[in-house]
Amino acid sequence: MKCLILGGGGFLGSHLCEALLAEGHSVKIFDRPNLKRFREFSADEQVEWVEGDFANQSDVNLAVPDCDVIYHLVSTTLPKSSNDNPVYDVETNIVGTLHLLEVARKSSVRKIIFISSGGTVYGIPNCTPINEEHPTNPICSYGISKLTIEKYLNLYYTLYGLDYCVLRLANPYGERQRVTATQGAVGVFLYKALRKELIEVWGDGSVIRDYIYVGDAISAMVAALSSNGNQGIFNIGSGHGQSLNNILEVIESVLGRPVSRIYVEGRALDVPVSVLDIEKAKNSLQWKPKVDFRDGLERTALWMKSERNN
């Protein structure tokens, strides 16, 4: 099939591109202009790279035709910043996705696979691990936008038969993650630890999240090609929780030395604990994570060290 990856030049998108090529699919990458490409592709690799703005309807209209499947990985906001300007969040993410759905149904796209957020759509959980039937009460605009897009995907499936799959992804980490960003505790903590810099920890470090190695996240995205709209929504995570303090302990164990840290005021958007129940994905997608947290962290550390030496 020909797969369009919206956000295909980023952390997740670049790994997804390579996984789809390995499965024999052709890939069209859509990402913002002037983005540095993660690698060059050979002449026999079926990759087309298209530059554009997701919020620009004309750019999206040009990217979608002749594609069988669309992977929607784009988000213009982050959980921590989305509440600062919810209007921008709605205008760029929700309205942008509605434009995408319209051109997709008119272009005979078979399916849209949307990467939602397992860490924000549920809000403060009533119980853990959280399954897909848990109430959804996001406490940040980012989560509300993700949830709204999920609802529109179901609407277009009901009205027009546009197949879809929603993957409520936990916190991914691994090679190619932006190490200087403020998003992604594992990557940020590990990067600073390798450089022997002071690590800022929100609150007392007891906040627990579900962290999934990038390779496991990507295998779920590939497996989603075989799902159908009747199955709808899947949690994709490790099924295990790690506190911020535990992440630091594993980093210290991997590096063989202590790391410097300072505890700062917690963030209002952080729910105390979020761990996903992944049984539905295991049963329906025939998928399960294979890389445990320490192994994934070791792989990420090796990549960061190699990048630093290049």
Protein backbone atom coordinates (compact mmCIF):
# COMPACT_ATOMS: atom_id res chain seq x y z
CA MET A 1 0.00 0.00 0.00
CA LYS A 2 0.95 3.63 -0.31
CA CYS A 3 1.11 5.17 3.17
CA LEU A 4 1.11 8.90 3.89
CA ILE A 5 2.77 9.81 7.19
CA LEU A 6 1.75 13.23 8.44
CA GLY A 7 4.73 14.22 10.58
CA GLY A 8 6.88 11.58 8.92
CA GLY A 9 10.13 13.44 9.47
CA GLY A 10 9.98 13.43 13.26
CA PHE A 11 10.85 11.03 16.06
CA LEU A 12 8.02 8.54 15.59
CA GLY A 13 7.45 9.23 11.91
CA SER A 14 11.01 8.46 10.87
CA HIS A 15 10.95 5.06 12.58
CA LEU A 16 7.50 4.34 11.12
CA CYS A 17 8.74 5.19 7.63
CA GLU A 18 11.53 2.64 7.87
CA ALA A 19 9.23 -0.03 9.32
CA LEU A 20 6.69 0.42 6.52
CA LEU A 21 9.42 0.24 3.88
CA ALA A 22 10.66 -2.99 5.46
CA GLU A 23 7.13 -4.39 5.11
CA GLY A 24 7.12 -3.59 1.38
CA HIS A 25 4.92 -0.50 1.42
CA SER A 26 5.66 2.78 -0.33
CA VAL A 27 5.75 5.92 1.80
CA LYS A 28 4.94 9.58 1.34
CA ILE A 29 6.27 11.82 4.12
CA PHE A 30 4.51 15.12 4.84
CA ASP A 31 6.27 17.50 7.19
CA ARG A 32 7.03 21.15 7.72
CA PRO A 33 9.32 23.03 5.33
CA ASN A 34 13.09 23.11 5.83
CA LEU A 35 13.06 20.18 8.26
CA LYS A 36 16.40 18.38 8.36
CA ARG A 37 15.86 14.88 6.98
CA PHE A 38 16.73 12.03 9.31
CA ARG A 39 18.55 10.28 6.45
CA GLU A 40 18.82 10.16 2.69
CA PHE A 41 16.90 7.47 0.82
CA SER A 42 18.30 5.34 -1.96
CA ALA A 43 16.81 5.36 -5.46
CA ASP A 44 15.15 1.96 -4.97
CA GLU A 45 13.40 3.01 -1.73
CA GLN A 46 9.85 4.09 -2.45
CA VAL A 47 9.81 7.36 -0.49
CA GLU A 48 8.34 10.70 -1.51
CA TRP A 49 8.97 13.73 0.71
CA VAL A 50 6.41 16.57 0.62
CA GLU A 51 6.84 19.83 2.52
CA GLY A 52 3.87 21.76 3.83
CA ASP A 53 1.91 23.15 6.76
CA PHE A 54 -0.73 20.88 8.29
CA ALA A 55 -2.86 23.92 9.10
CA ASN A 56 -2.81 24.95 5.43
CA GLN A 57 -5.69 23.19 3.67
CA SER A 58 -4.10 23.57 0.23
CA ASP A 59 -0.91 21.81 1.36
CA VAL A 60 -2.86 18.89 2.80
CA ASN A 61 -5.04 18.67 -0.31
CA LEU A 62 -1.93 18.16 -2.44
CA ALA A 63 -0.47 15.48 -0.16
CA VAL A 64 -3.45 13.14 0.28
CA PRO A 65 -4.51 11.99 -3.24
CA ASP A 66 -3.22 8.57 -4.44
CA CYS A 67 -2.59 7.35 -0.86
CA ASP A 68 -4.27 4.24 0.59
CA VAL A 69 -3.59 4.81 4.28
CA ILE A 70 -2.86 7.96 6.28
CA TYR A 71 -0.92 7.94 9.54
CA HIS A 72 -1.83 11.10 11.45
CA LEU A 73 1.08 11.89 13.80
CA VAL A 74 0.89 15.68 13.66
CA SER A 75 0.23 17.84 16.71
CA THR A 76 0.91 21.55 16.81
CA THR A 77 0.82 21.73 20.63
CA LEU A 78 2.20 19.95 23.68
CA PRO A 79 0.27 18.98 26.83
CA LYS A 80 2.14 21.51 28.97
CA SER A 81 1.54 24.45 26.59
CA SER A 82 -1.89 23.66 25.14
CA ASN A 83 -3.82 25.33 27.98
CA ASP A 84 -2.00 28.59 27.31
CA ASN A 85 -3.81 29.01 23.99
CA PRO A 86 -6.68 26.53 23.53
CA VAL A 87 -8.04 28.51 20.58
CA TYR A 88 -4.81 27.88 18.66
CA ASP A 89 -4.98 24.22 19.69
CA VAL A 90 -8.50 23.90 18.23
CA GLU A 91 -7.80 25.92 15.09
CA THR A 92 -4.67 24.02 14.12
CA ASN A 93 -5.29 20.48 15.36
CA ILE A 94 -9.06 19.93 15.25
CA VAL A 95 -9.92 22.15 12.29
CA GLY A 96 -6.81 20.93 10.46
CA THR A 97 -7.92 17.33 10.98
CA LEU A 98 -11.44 18.09 9.73
CA HIS A 99 -9.94 19.42 6.50
CA LEU A 100 -7.90 16.21 6.31
CA LEU A 101 -10.98 14.01 6.78
CA GLU A 102 -12.84 15.84 4.04
CA VAL A 103 -10.10 15.43 1.46
CA ALA A 104 -9.50 11.83 2.58
CA ARG A 105 -13.09 10.74 2.00
CA LYS A 106 -13.17 12.48 -1.38
CA SER A 107 -9.86 10.88 -2.40
CA SER A 108 -10.91 7.27 -1.66
CA VAL A 109 -8.42 6.88 1.18
CA ARG A 110 -9.02 3.47 2.75
CA LYS A 111 -8.02 4.18 6.32
CA ILE A 112 -6.70 6.75 8.79
CA ILE A 113 -4.53 5.65 11.72
CA PHE A 114 -4.49 8.37 14.36
CA ILE A 115 -1.91 8.60 17.13
CA SER A 116 -3.85 9.82 20.15
CA SER A 117 -2.66 10.24 23.74
CA GLY A 118 -2.97 7.54 26.36
CA GLY A 119 -1.50 9.89 28.93
CA THR A 120 -3.96 12.78 28.59
CA VAL A 121 -7.36 11.70 27.23
CA TYR A 122 -8.37 9.86 30.43
CA GLY A 123 -7.51 12.64 32.87
CA ILE A 124 -7.17 11.64 36.53
CA PRO A 125 -7.84 7.88 36.53
CA ASN A 126 -10.40 6.17 38.71
CA CYS A 127 -8.26 3.02 38.67
CA THR A 128 -5.13 1.63 37.06
CA PRO A 129 -4.23 0.12 34.73
CA ILE A 130 -6.58 2.17 32.55
CA ASN A 131 -8.53 0.32 29.87
CA GLU A 132 -10.24 1.81 26.84
CA GLU A 133 -13.64 1.87 28.58
CA HIS A 134 -12.40 4.21 31.31
CA PRO A 135 -14.11 7.65 31.41
CA THR A 136 -12.35 10.35 29.42
CA ASN A 137 -11.99 13.63 31.32
CA PRO A 138 -8.84 15.40 30.08
CA ILE A 139 -7.40 18.20 32.20
CA CYS A 140 -5.48 19.84 29.35
CA SER A 141 -6.55 21.20 25.98
CA TYR A 142 -4.15 18.81 24.24
CA GLY A 143 -6.10 15.82 25.57
CA ILE A 144 -9.46 17.40 24.69
CA SER A 145 -8.29 17.98 21.10
CA LYS A 146 -7.07 14.40 20.78
CA LEU A 147 -10.38 13.10 22.10
CA THR A 148 -12.36 15.36 19.78
CA ILE A 149 -10.44 14.08 16.78
CA GLU A 150 -11.22 10.52 17.87
CA LYS A 151 -14.93 11.38 17.86
CA TYR A 152 -14.76 12.90 14.38
CA LEU A 153 -12.97 9.82 13.07
CA ASN A 154 -15.85 7.69 14.32
CA LEU A 155 -18.35 10.13 12.76
CA TYR A 156 -16.70 9.87 9.34
CA TYR A 157 -16.62 6.08 9.67
CA THR A 158 -20.35 6.04 10.48
CA LEU A 159 -21.37 8.52 7.78
CA TYR A 160 -18.97 7.70 4.97
CA GLY A 161 -17.33 4.36 5.76
CA LEU A 162 -13.86 5.91 6.13
CA ASP A 163 -12.05 3.24 8.12
CA TYR A 164 -9.90 4.30 11.05
CA CYS A 165 -7.87 3.12 14.01
CA VAL A 166 -6.98 5.15 17.09
CA LEU A 167 -3.83 4.31 19.03
CA ARG A 168 -3.80 5.92 22.47
CA LEU A 169 -0.05 5.97 22.85
CA ALA A 170 1.74 6.09 26.18
CA ASN A 171 5.02 8.04 26.55
CA PRO A 172 7.42 6.90 23.82
CA TYR A 173 11.18 7.16 24.14
CA GLY A 174 14.20 5.96 22.20
CA GLU A 175 16.57 6.79 19.38
CA ARG A 176 15.99 10.05 17.46
CA GLN A 177 13.92 11.64 20.21
CA ARG A 178 14.66 15.35 20.50
CA VAL A 179 17.00 15.35 23.47
CA THR A 180 16.95 19.11 23.96
CA ALA A 181 13.15 19.38 24.07
CA THR A 182 11.13 19.69 27.27
CA GLN A 183 8.85 16.82 26.27
CA GLY A 184 9.75 13.26 27.26
CA ALA A 185 11.19 12.68 30.71
CA VAL A 186 13.27 9.65 29.75
CA GLY A 187 15.06 11.41 26.88
CA VAL A 188 15.54 14.68 28.74
CA PHE A 189 16.77 13.04 31.96
CA LEU A 190 19.13 10.68 30.15
CA TYR A 191 20.57 13.41 27.94
CA LYS A 192 21.31 15.64 30.92
CA ALA A 193 22.71 12.73 32.92
CA LEU A 194 25.15 11.84 30.14
CA ARG A 195 26.32 15.46 30.08
CA LYS A 196 26.51 15.53 33.91
CA GLU A 197 24.01 18.39 34.01
CA LEU A 198 21.51 19.10 36.77
CA ILE A 199 18.15 17.39 36.22
CA GLU A 200 14.94 19.18 37.22
CA VAL A 201 12.28 16.87 38.63
CA TRP A 202 8.67 18.06 38.84
CA GLY A 203 7.18 17.71 42.30
CA ASP A 204 8.60 15.01 44.53
CA GLY A 205 9.29 12.60 41.65
CA SER A 206 6.41 10.29 42.53
CA VAL A 207 4.44 10.96 39.31
CA ILE A 208 4.05 7.63 37.51
CA ARG A 209 3.78 7.18 33.75
CA ASP A 210 3.74 4.37 31.24
CA TYR A 211 6.83 4.56 29.02
CA ILE A 212 7.09 2.57 25.79
CA TYR A 213 10.21 1.99 23.71
CA VAL A 214 9.92 3.47 20.22
CA GLY A 215 10.39 0.12 18.47
CA ASP A 216 7.41 -1.34 20.32
CA ALA A 217 5.28 1.72 19.54
CA ILE A 218 6.11 1.44 15.85
CA SER A 219 5.28 -2.27 15.68
CA ALA A 220 1.82 -1.40 17.03
CA MET A 221 1.39 1.23 14.33
CA VAL A 222 2.24 -1.31 11.63
CA ALA A 223 -0.09 -3.88 13.20
CA ALA A 224 -2.91 -1.30 13.09
CA LEU A 225 -3.01 -1.65 9.31
CA SER A 226 -4.99 -4.87 9.79
CA SER A 227 -7.58 -3.47 12.22
CA ASN A 228 -11.01 -2.11 11.23
CA GLY A 229 -13.33 0.62 12.44
CA ASN A 230 -15.41 -1.77 14.49
CA GLN A 231 -12.40 -2.24 16.76
CA GLY A 232 -11.71 1.49 16.93
CA ILE A 233 -9.47 2.39 19.84
CA PHE A 234 -6.43 0.72 21.38
CA ASN A 235 -4.17 1.59 24.29
CA ILE A 236 -0.51 1.21 23.31
CA GLY A 237 1.97 1.19 26.17
CA SER A 238 4.23 -1.06 28.19
CA GLY A 239 1.53 -1.92 30.72
CA HIS A 240 3.91 -0.94 33.53
CA GLY A 241 4.46 2.32 35.38
CA GLN A 242 7.71 4.12 36.15
CA SER A 243 7.95 7.05 38.56
CA LEU A 244 10.29 9.93 37.78
CA ASN A 245 12.43 8.82 40.71
CA ASN A 246 12.58 5.29 39.34
CA ILE A 247 13.68 6.58 35.93
CA LEU A 248 16.59 8.32 37.64
CA GLU A 249 17.48 5.16 39.55
CA VAL A 250 17.61 3.12 36.35
CA ILE A 251 19.70 5.81 34.66
CA GLU A 252 22.14 5.72 37.56
CA SER A 253 22.32 1.94 37.31
CA VAL A 254 22.96 2.03 33.55
CA LEU A 255 25.61 4.77 33.82
CA GLY A 256 27.17 3.32 36.96
CA ARG A 257 27.21 6.64 38.80
CA PRO A 258 24.84 9.02 40.61
CA VAL A 259 23.16 11.87 38.73
CA SER A 260 22.53 15.40 39.98
CA ARG A 261 18.91 16.39 40.51
CA ILE A 262 16.79 19.17 41.95
CA TYR A 263 13.10 18.99 42.81
CA VAL A 264 10.92 21.87 41.58
CA GLU A 265 7.24 22.72 41.89
CA GLY A 266 4.89 20.16 40.33
CA ARG A 267 2.71 20.93 37.31
CA ALA A 268 -1.07 21.19 37.50
CA LEU A 269 -1.48 19.22 34.27
CA ASP A 270 0.29 16.15 35.66
CA VAL A 271 -2.07 13.44 36.88
CA PRO A 272 -0.52 11.42 39.74
CA VAL A 273 -0.45 8.10 37.88
CA SER A 274 -1.17 6.88 34.35
CA VAL A 275 -0.57 3.26 33.37
CA LEU A 276 -2.37 1.72 30.40
CA ASP A 277 -4.14 -1.63 30.15
CA ILE A 278 -2.96 -3.05 26.80
CA GLU A 279 -4.88 -6.35 26.74
CA LYS A 280 -7.18 -5.25 23.90
CA ALA A 281 -4.22 -4.50 21.62
CA LYS A 282 -2.60 -7.80 22.54
CA ASN A 283 -5.74 -9.75 21.66
CA SER A 284 -7.00 -7.82 18.62
CA LEU A 285 -3.79 -6.61 16.98
CA GLN A 286 -1.70 -9.64 17.95
CA TRP A 287 0.82 -7.16 19.33
CA LYS A 288 2.76 -6.83 22.54
CA PRO A 289 5.78 -4.82 23.70
CA LYS A 290 9.06 -6.73 23.64
CA VAL A 291 11.63 -4.29 25.06
CA ASP A 292 11.70 -3.79 28.84
CA PHE A 293 12.45 -0.40 30.34
CA ARG A 294 16.10 -0.96 31.25
CA ASP A 295 16.92 -2.48 27.86
CA GLY A 296 15.21 0.39 26.06
CA LEU A 297 17.05 2.93 28.18
CA GLU A 298 20.38 1.24 27.46
CA ARG A 299 19.68 1.35 23.70
CA THR A 300 18.77 5.02 23.94
CA ALA A 301 21.94 5.79 25.90
CA LEU A 302 24.10 4.10 23.25
CA TRP A 303 22.43 6.18 20.54
CA MET A 304 22.95 9.42 22.48
CA LYS A 305 26.61 8.59 23.04
CA SER A 306 27.12 7.85 19.33
CA GLU A 307 25.40 11.11 18.37
CA ARG A 308 27.63 13.02 20.76
CA ASN A 309 30.75 11.47 19.20
CA ASN A 310 29.71 12.23 15.61
